[in-house]
Protein backbone atom coordinates (compact mmCIF):
# COMPACT_ATOMS: atom_id res chain seq x y z
CA MET A 1 41.80 -36.17 9.84
CA ILE A 2 39.30 -36.74 7.03
CA ILE A 3 37.82 -40.14 6.20
CA GLY A 4 36.50 -40.29 2.64
CA VAL A 5 33.84 -42.75 1.45
CA PRO A 6 33.33 -42.94 -2.32
CA ARG A 7 30.43 -44.76 -3.95
CA GLU A 8 31.20 -48.41 -4.71
CA THR A 9 31.77 -49.03 -8.42
CA CYS A 10 32.18 -52.82 -8.62
CA PRO A 11 29.26 -54.27 -10.64
CA GLY A 12 26.58 -55.59 -8.30
CA GLU A 13 28.16 -54.08 -5.19
CA ARG A 14 25.44 -52.41 -3.09
CA ARG A 15 27.25 -52.05 0.23
CA VAL A 16 28.87 -48.91 1.58
CA ALA A 17 32.01 -48.66 3.74
CA LEU A 18 30.56 -46.40 6.45
CA VAL A 19 26.95 -45.97 7.60
CA PRO A 20 25.53 -42.90 9.36
CA ALA A 21 25.39 -44.61 12.78
CA VAL A 22 29.20 -44.97 13.00
CA LEU A 23 30.02 -41.32 12.32
CA ALA A 24 29.72 -40.37 16.01
CA PRO A 25 32.51 -42.77 17.11
CA LEU A 26 34.68 -41.39 14.30
CA LYS A 27 34.22 -37.88 15.65
CA LYS A 28 35.57 -39.06 18.99
CA LEU A 29 38.72 -40.06 17.11
CA GLY A 30 38.92 -36.53 15.78
CA ALA A 31 37.91 -37.66 12.30
CA GLU A 32 35.51 -36.00 9.90
CA ALA A 33 33.69 -37.93 7.17
CA VAL A 34 33.31 -36.88 3.54
CA ILE A 35 30.77 -39.00 1.65
CA GLU A 36 30.20 -39.07 -2.09
CA ARG A 37 26.55 -38.26 -2.80
CA GLY A 38 24.52 -41.41 -3.28
CA ALA A 39 27.20 -43.67 -1.76
CA GLY A 40 24.77 -45.29 0.66
CA LEU A 41 21.54 -45.25 -1.34
CA GLU A 42 21.65 -48.85 -2.57
CA ALA A 43 22.31 -50.04 0.97
CA GLY A 44 19.35 -48.04 2.29
CA PHE A 45 21.15 -44.98 3.70
CA THR A 46 20.22 -41.54 2.34
CA ASP A 47 22.45 -38.50 1.91
CA GLU A 48 20.23 -36.69 4.42
CA GLU A 49 21.00 -39.30 7.09
CA TYR A 50 24.74 -38.82 6.57
CA HIS A 51 24.34 -35.04 6.68
CA GLU A 52 22.30 -35.21 9.89
CA LYS A 53 25.09 -37.20 11.53
CA GLY A 54 27.66 -34.57 10.62
CA ALA A 55 29.17 -35.85 7.36
CA ARG A 56 30.01 -33.52 4.49
CA LEU A 57 28.62 -34.54 1.12
CA ALA A 58 30.79 -34.36 -2.00
CA GLY A 59 29.19 -34.10 -5.40
CA GLN A 60 32.17 -35.52 -7.28
CA ARG A 61 34.17 -38.69 -6.66
CA ASP A 62 37.38 -36.79 -7.32
CA ASP A 63 36.57 -34.45 -4.42
CA VAL A 64 36.36 -37.35 -1.96
CA PHE A 65 39.82 -38.60 -2.91
CA ALA A 66 41.27 -35.09 -3.01
CA GLU A 67 40.12 -34.23 0.52
CA ALA A 68 40.52 -37.55 2.33
CA ASP A 69 43.52 -38.55 4.41
CA ILE A 70 42.03 -42.05 4.58
CA VAL A 71 39.75 -43.53 1.92
CA ALA A 72 37.46 -46.34 3.13
CA GLN A 73 35.93 -48.72 0.60
CA VAL A 74 34.24 -52.10 0.57
CA ARG A 75 35.80 -53.44 -2.66
CA ALA A 76 38.97 -51.53 -3.45
CA LEU A 77 41.47 -51.99 -6.29
CA GLY A 78 42.11 -55.75 -6.62
CA ALA A 79 38.64 -56.65 -5.34
CA ASN A 80 37.21 -54.37 -8.02
CA PRO A 81 39.46 -55.39 -10.95
CA GLU A 82 38.19 -53.12 -13.73
CA ALA A 83 36.52 -50.06 -12.21
CA GLY A 84 38.94 -50.07 -9.28
CA ARG A 85 41.84 -49.20 -11.57
CA LEU A 86 40.09 -45.93 -12.43
CA ASP A 87 40.67 -44.85 -8.84
CA LEU A 88 44.46 -45.28 -9.03
CA PRO A 89 45.11 -41.83 -10.55
CA LEU A 90 42.98 -40.28 -7.79
CA LEU A 91 45.19 -41.68 -5.04
CA ARG A 92 48.16 -39.65 -3.84
CA ARG A 93 51.38 -40.25 -1.94
CA ASP A 94 50.97 -40.90 1.80
CA GLN A 95 47.21 -41.25 1.46
CA SER A 96 45.81 -44.37 3.13
CA LEU A 97 43.31 -46.75 1.55
CA ILE A 98 41.39 -49.25 3.69
CA GLY A 99 39.16 -51.96 2.27
CA MET A 100 39.03 -55.42 0.76
CA CYS A 101 41.55 -55.59 -2.08
CA GLU A 102 42.35 -59.29 -2.70
CA PRO A 103 46.12 -58.83 -2.13
CA LEU A 104 46.88 -62.55 -2.34
CA THR A 105 45.44 -62.81 -5.85
CA ALA A 106 45.89 -59.26 -7.16
CA GLY A 107 49.49 -58.57 -6.27
CA GLU A 108 50.21 -56.50 -9.38
CA VAL A 109 47.52 -53.99 -8.45
CA CYS A 110 49.08 -53.74 -4.99
CA ARG A 111 52.40 -53.01 -6.67
CA GLU A 112 50.76 -50.20 -8.64
CA ALA A 113 49.32 -48.75 -5.43
CA ALA A 114 52.81 -48.90 -3.89
CA GLU A 115 54.25 -47.03 -6.86
CA ARG A 116 51.84 -44.19 -6.12
CA GLY A 117 53.08 -44.08 -2.52
CA VAL A 118 49.75 -45.21 -1.06
CA ASN A 119 49.45 -46.84 2.36
CA LEU A 120 47.21 -49.81 1.55
CA PHE A 121 45.49 -51.76 4.34
CA SER A 122 43.72 -54.98 3.38
CA MET A 123 40.82 -55.91 5.63
CA GLU A 124 40.89 -59.53 4.41
CA LEU A 125 44.21 -59.96 6.21
CA ILE A 126 42.89 -59.19 9.69
CA PRO A 127 44.53 -61.84 11.92
CA ARG A 128 42.28 -64.36 13.66
CA ILE A 129 43.15 -63.25 17.18
CA THR A 130 40.83 -62.30 20.03
CA ARG A 131 41.76 -58.62 19.94
CA ALA A 132 40.85 -58.38 16.25
CA GLN A 133 37.50 -60.20 16.30
CA SER A 134 35.54 -56.95 16.15
CA MET A 135 37.45 -55.96 12.99
CA ASP A 136 37.09 -59.26 11.11
CA VAL A 137 35.24 -58.36 7.90
CA LEU A 138 35.50 -61.88 6.49
CA SER A 139 33.57 -63.21 9.47
CA SER A 140 30.94 -60.46 9.51
CA GLN A 141 30.28 -60.77 5.80
CA ALA A 142 30.32 -64.58 5.96
CA THR A 143 27.50 -64.34 8.48
CA VAL A 144 25.39 -62.59 5.86
CA ALA A 145 26.42 -65.02 3.13
CA GLY A 146 25.51 -68.08 5.19
CA TYR A 147 22.08 -66.66 5.96
CA LYS A 148 21.33 -65.64 2.38
CA ALA A 149 22.56 -68.97 0.95
CA VAL A 150 19.80 -70.82 2.79
CA LEU A 151 17.14 -68.41 1.55
CA LEU A 152 18.34 -68.90 -2.03
CA ALA A 153 18.20 -72.67 -1.55
CA ALA A 154 14.71 -72.51 -0.05
CA ASP A 155 13.53 -70.42 -2.99
CA ALA A 156 14.98 -72.80 -5.59
CA LEU A 157 13.93 -76.06 -3.88
CA PRO A 158 10.58 -77.40 -5.15
CA ARG A 159 9.54 -78.35 -1.62
CA MET A 160 9.19 -76.61 1.74
CA PHE A 161 11.83 -76.72 4.46
CA PRO A 162 9.73 -77.49 7.59
CA MET A 163 7.74 -80.58 8.48
CA LEU A 164 4.02 -79.78 8.33
CA MET A 165 1.12 -81.85 9.58
CA THR A 166 -1.97 -80.86 7.65
CA ALA A 167 -5.41 -82.21 6.82
CA ALA A 168 -3.97 -83.08 3.42
CA GLY A 169 -1.26 -85.20 5.01
CA THR A 170 2.19 -84.79 6.54
CA VAL A 171 4.90 -82.90 4.69
CA ALA A 172 8.38 -84.30 5.35
CA PRO A 173 11.09 -81.75 6.21
CA ALA A 174 13.83 -80.90 3.72
CA ARG A 175 17.26 -82.40 4.37
CA VAL A 176 20.12 -79.90 4.25
CA PHE A 177 23.83 -80.72 4.26
CA VAL A 178 26.29 -77.90 4.99
CA ILE A 179 29.93 -78.53 4.09
CA GLY A 180 32.24 -76.37 6.18
CA ALA A 181 31.51 -75.18 9.71
CA GLY A 182 33.20 -71.81 9.63
CA VAL A 183 31.22 -68.62 10.17
CA ALA A 184 29.23 -68.96 6.92
CA GLY A 185 28.59 -72.65 7.47
CA LEU A 186 27.41 -72.25 11.05
CA GLN A 187 25.11 -69.40 10.04
CA ALA A 188 23.71 -71.54 7.21
CA ILE A 189 23.10 -74.38 9.67
CA ALA A 190 21.34 -72.07 12.12
CA THR A 191 19.18 -70.50 9.40
CA ALA A 192 18.20 -73.86 7.87
CA ARG A 193 17.25 -75.14 11.33
CA ARG A 194 15.13 -72.05 12.00
CA LEU A 195 13.29 -72.77 8.74
CA GLY A 196 12.55 -76.27 9.99
CA ALA A 197 14.91 -78.41 7.92
CA VAL A 198 16.73 -81.49 9.13
CA VAL A 199 20.35 -80.36 8.97
CA SER A 200 23.71 -82.12 8.86
CA GLY A 201 27.11 -80.46 8.87
CA TYR A 202 30.65 -81.50 8.06
CA ASP A 203 34.08 -79.98 8.54
CA VAL A 204 37.64 -81.29 8.29
CA ARG A 205 38.16 -79.99 11.82
CA PRO A 206 36.66 -82.52 14.28
CA ALA A 207 36.84 -79.84 16.98
CA VAL A 208 33.82 -78.01 15.53
CA LYS A 209 31.53 -81.00 16.11
CA GLU A 210 30.25 -79.46 19.34
CA GLN A 211 29.41 -76.18 17.58
CA VAL A 212 27.48 -77.96 14.84
CA GLU A 213 25.53 -80.06 17.33
CA SER A 214 24.79 -77.05 19.54
CA LEU A 215 22.79 -75.62 16.64
CA GLY A 216 20.64 -78.74 16.44
CA ALA A 217 22.40 -80.32 13.47
CA LYS A 218 23.99 -83.74 13.09
CA PHE A 219 27.77 -83.74 12.63
CA VAL A 220 28.87 -86.04 9.80
CA GLU A 221 32.13 -87.77 10.66
CA MET A 222 34.54 -89.04 8.03
CA LYS A 223 37.66 -91.01 8.84
CA LEU A 224 40.33 -88.86 7.23
CA GLU A 225 43.84 -87.83 8.22
CA THR A 226 43.45 -84.05 8.39
CA GLY A 227 46.63 -82.87 10.11
CA ALA A 228 46.51 -79.12 10.70
CA ALA A 229 43.41 -77.82 8.90
CA GLU A 230 44.17 -74.20 9.81
CA ASP A 231 47.21 -72.02 9.27
CA LYS A 232 48.79 -70.02 12.09
CA GLY A 233 46.56 -67.07 11.24
CA GLY A 234 43.41 -69.10 11.88
CA TYR A 235 42.43 -69.39 8.21
CA ALA A 236 41.68 -72.59 6.31
CA ARG A 237 44.73 -74.40 4.96
CA ALA A 238 44.74 -76.11 1.56
CA MET A 239 44.89 -79.90 1.82
CA GLY A 240 46.53 -82.28 -0.66
CA GLU A 241 44.68 -83.65 -3.68
CA GLU A 242 44.79 -87.19 -2.23
CA PHE A 243 42.93 -85.90 0.84
CA TYR A 244 40.23 -84.29 -1.30
CA ARG A 245 39.92 -87.47 -3.41
CA LYS A 246 39.26 -89.61 -0.35
CA GLN A 247 36.93 -86.98 1.06
CA ARG A 248 34.86 -87.00 -2.14
CA GLU A 249 34.59 -90.78 -2.02
CA LEU A 250 33.22 -90.70 1.53
CA MET A 251 30.98 -87.73 0.83
CA THR A 252 29.27 -89.21 -2.23
CA GLU A 253 26.97 -91.40 -0.15
CA VAL A 254 26.08 -88.53 2.20
CA VAL A 255 25.30 -86.02 -0.53
CA LYS A 256 22.83 -88.18 -2.43
CA HIS A 257 20.56 -88.43 0.62
CA HIS A 258 20.09 -84.65 0.93
CA ASP A 259 17.79 -82.20 -0.84
CA VAL A 260 20.08 -79.20 -0.37
CA VAL A 261 23.87 -79.02 -0.19
CA ILE A 262 25.57 -75.75 0.77
CA THR A 263 29.35 -75.60 0.32
CA THR A 264 31.54 -73.01 2.04
CA ALA A 265 35.14 -74.23 1.67
CA VAL A 266 37.57 -71.47 0.67
CA VAL A 267 41.31 -71.04 1.20
CA PRO A 268 42.58 -67.41 1.15
CA GLY A 269 44.51 -66.63 -2.01
CA LYS A 270 43.89 -70.03 -3.62
CA LYS A 271 41.39 -71.70 -5.91
CA ALA A 272 38.59 -73.35 -3.97
CA PRO A 273 38.91 -77.14 -3.57
CA VAL A 274 36.50 -79.25 -5.61
CA LEU A 275 34.35 -81.18 -3.13
CA LEU A 276 31.41 -82.13 -5.36
CA THR A 277 32.16 -83.79 -8.69
CA ALA A 278 29.80 -83.95 -11.66
CA GLU A 279 29.26 -87.63 -10.87
CA MET A 280 28.22 -86.78 -7.29
CA VAL A 281 25.74 -84.22 -8.59
CA ARG A 282 24.22 -86.76 -10.96
CA GLY A 283 23.69 -89.07 -7.98
CA MET A 284 21.41 -86.52 -6.29
CA ALA A 285 17.64 -86.65 -6.69
CA PRO A 286 16.06 -84.39 -9.35
CA GLY A 287 14.89 -81.14 -7.77
CA SER A 288 17.85 -81.02 -5.36
CA VAL A 289 19.73 -77.76 -4.93
CA ILE A 290 23.42 -76.93 -4.44
CA VAL A 291 24.46 -73.46 -3.29
CA ASP A 292 28.18 -72.95 -3.82
CA LEU A 293 29.52 -70.14 -1.63
CA ALA A 294 32.98 -70.64 -3.09
CA ALA A 295 31.79 -69.75 -6.61
CA GLU A 296 33.95 -66.61 -6.81
CA ARG A 297 37.02 -68.77 -6.06
CA GLY A 298 36.24 -71.29 -8.78
CA GLY A 299 33.65 -73.24 -6.82
CA ASN A 300 33.49 -76.31 -4.57
CA CYS A 301 31.29 -77.99 -7.15
CA GLU A 302 32.82 -79.09 -10.45
CA LEU A 303 29.75 -77.80 -12.36
CA THR A 304 29.55 -74.36 -10.72
CA ARG A 305 29.65 -71.29 -12.93
CA PRO A 306 30.31 -68.10 -10.96
CA GLY A 307 27.32 -65.77 -11.02
CA GLU A 308 25.14 -68.28 -12.89
CA THR A 309 22.56 -70.99 -12.26
CA VAL A 310 23.25 -74.39 -13.81
CA VAL A 311 20.80 -77.31 -14.03
CA GLU A 312 22.32 -80.76 -14.43
CA GLY A 313 20.13 -83.87 -14.36
CA GLY A 314 17.39 -81.93 -12.61
CA VAL A 315 19.79 -80.64 -9.92
CA THR A 316 20.04 -76.85 -9.63
CA ILE A 317 23.53 -75.49 -8.91
CA LEU A 318 23.65 -71.88 -7.76
CA GLY A 319 26.96 -70.03 -8.00
CA PRO A 320 26.12 -66.70 -6.36
CA ALA A 321 28.74 -63.96 -6.48
CA ASN A 322 29.04 -61.49 -3.61
CA LEU A 323 26.13 -62.68 -1.47
CA PRO A 324 26.64 -60.01 1.23
CA ALA A 325 25.78 -57.36 -1.38
CA MET A 326 22.34 -58.98 -1.65
CA VAL A 327 21.65 -57.96 1.96
CA PRO A 328 23.40 -54.56 1.81
CA TYR A 329 21.77 -52.79 4.75
CA HIS A 330 22.95 -55.10 7.51
CA ALA A 331 26.09 -56.17 5.65
CA SER A 332 27.10 -52.48 5.51
CA GLN A 333 26.27 -51.97 9.17
CA MET A 334 28.59 -54.79 10.19
CA TYR A 335 31.33 -53.85 7.73
CA ALA A 336 31.24 -50.21 8.88
CA GLN A 337 31.60 -51.26 12.51
CA ASN A 338 34.58 -53.44 11.54
CA ILE A 339 36.18 -50.41 9.85
CA VAL A 340 35.60 -48.13 12.84
CA ASN A 341 37.06 -50.68 15.25
CA PHE A 342 40.07 -51.02 12.95
CA LEU A 343 40.51 -47.24 12.87
CA LYS A 344 40.33 -47.06 16.67
CA ASN A 345 43.37 -49.33 16.78
CA LEU A 346 45.12 -47.64 13.86
CA VAL A 347 44.70 -43.94 14.65
CA LYS A 348 46.19 -42.17 17.63
CA ASP A 349 46.52 -38.41 18.20
CA ASN A 350 44.98 -37.74 14.79
CA ALA A 351 47.66 -39.76 12.96
CA ILE A 352 48.10 -43.32 11.75
CA ARG A 353 50.34 -45.57 13.87
CA PHE A 354 52.64 -47.62 11.66
CA GLU A 355 53.77 -49.98 14.41
CA ALA A 356 55.31 -53.26 13.29
CA ASN A 357 54.91 -54.73 16.78
CA ASP A 358 51.13 -54.41 16.54
CA GLU A 359 50.05 -57.66 14.88
CA ILE A 360 46.84 -56.18 13.46
CA ILE A 361 48.64 -53.28 11.77
CA ARG A 362 51.55 -55.43 10.62
CA GLU A 363 49.35 -58.14 9.09
CA THR A 364 47.00 -55.77 7.23
CA LEU A 365 49.54 -53.26 5.89
CA VAL A 366 50.25 -54.22 2.26
CA THR A 367 52.05 -51.15 0.88
CA ARG A 368 53.89 -48.20 2.38
CA GLY A 369 56.62 -45.77 1.35
CA GLY A 370 56.52 -46.79 -2.28
CA GLN A 371 56.99 -50.51 -1.53
CA VAL A 372 54.95 -53.66 -1.10
CA VAL A 373 55.75 -54.45 2.53
CA HIS A 374 53.53 -57.44 3.32
CA PRO A 375 55.67 -60.64 3.34
CA ARG A 376 53.08 -62.92 1.69
CA VAL A 377 52.28 -60.43 -1.06
CA LYS A 378 55.99 -59.76 -1.69
CA GLU A 379 56.59 -63.48 -1.95
CA LEU A 380 53.79 -63.85 -4.49
CA LEU A 381 55.34 -61.04 -6.51
CA GLY A 382 58.70 -62.80 -6.45
CA ALA A 383 60.37 -60.47 -3.96
CA SER A 384 62.08 -61.36 -0.71
CA PRO A 385 59.56 -62.21 2.02
CA ALA A 386 61.47 -60.08 4.52
CA MET A 387 59.36 -57.15 5.69
CA SER A 388 60.51 -53.61 5.12
CA GLY A 389 59.23 -50.18 5.97
CA ALA A 390 56.34 -51.12 8.28
CA GLY A 391 58.01 -50.11 11.49
CA ALA A 392 59.37 -46.78 10.34
């Protein structure tokens, strides 16, 4: 079996799907790696390192797709809307493609992949179960995003994070408020605390209070009827507009007393909820900073512009796109390990197991046998949600 890794073509994407260190475990699976020359350079991995670990180097992108039984990418097809389409003609029937492909928002591209007979596995759909934790790319990449968000905030804030006692007087610590205590939020809390800030955190799930406080942050409690804040897959569930309205009212007073606000609220396949209105931003002190980790989903802040920096009333609003790509070395290391762990579950006796009773395989398989087979994606495309073809 040959695993092919082409160079990433999405603008600004510096990660790579496999790093040299994971090639040895792949060999134990009976798999050989073919890497497009230069695929790992922007992440800090040279062609020589791949060659030393036993990979074959391909000079042309076409050669990678032509040789590979499985193509591994970071941003594939739907997650790479323009350049990703150029790869469609390179894919062939019964070839498998593994990567992030935004199936819940790019269903038409998934349909096109199905028409080519491709077996498409979406890593964003890894179920939140114990057995799949080591394959969870959303969590591993959110760790990087949470860390980097704090560094961006510290760089933009016109004051230092830690309290300092100097001969010139005492410097008060920065006050950081993190909205959302998922993986990204908890990492942001931990990083801000390590930099010496006074940190508060909030989440619609009261159960995470202990996690927030264990990191040395204060948990902000708001009296709201949350109901089930997670779906059965362990992902955030969209709440009603009335809930978000009441939440914004309660949050207004909290936000204005902080120097930095980091928002992390995203719902898979949906536009991000607006948590910070323009009015709330105007109530913050000049020099304050907002880092919106939901910028690519429309933003948690009403004034966010994806990929841009906005200044409103002296408040800087950062809408970074693809933060993990800003720390590509370690982001790639973690992503590559997720992919290898996924392959260990997927491949047996040098062949892919298409087993519908395996929750990990069933939940990540989007297309097979010329059809879109994932129930949620089929439903979005207007087809029957009944699954077909995955257990053949």
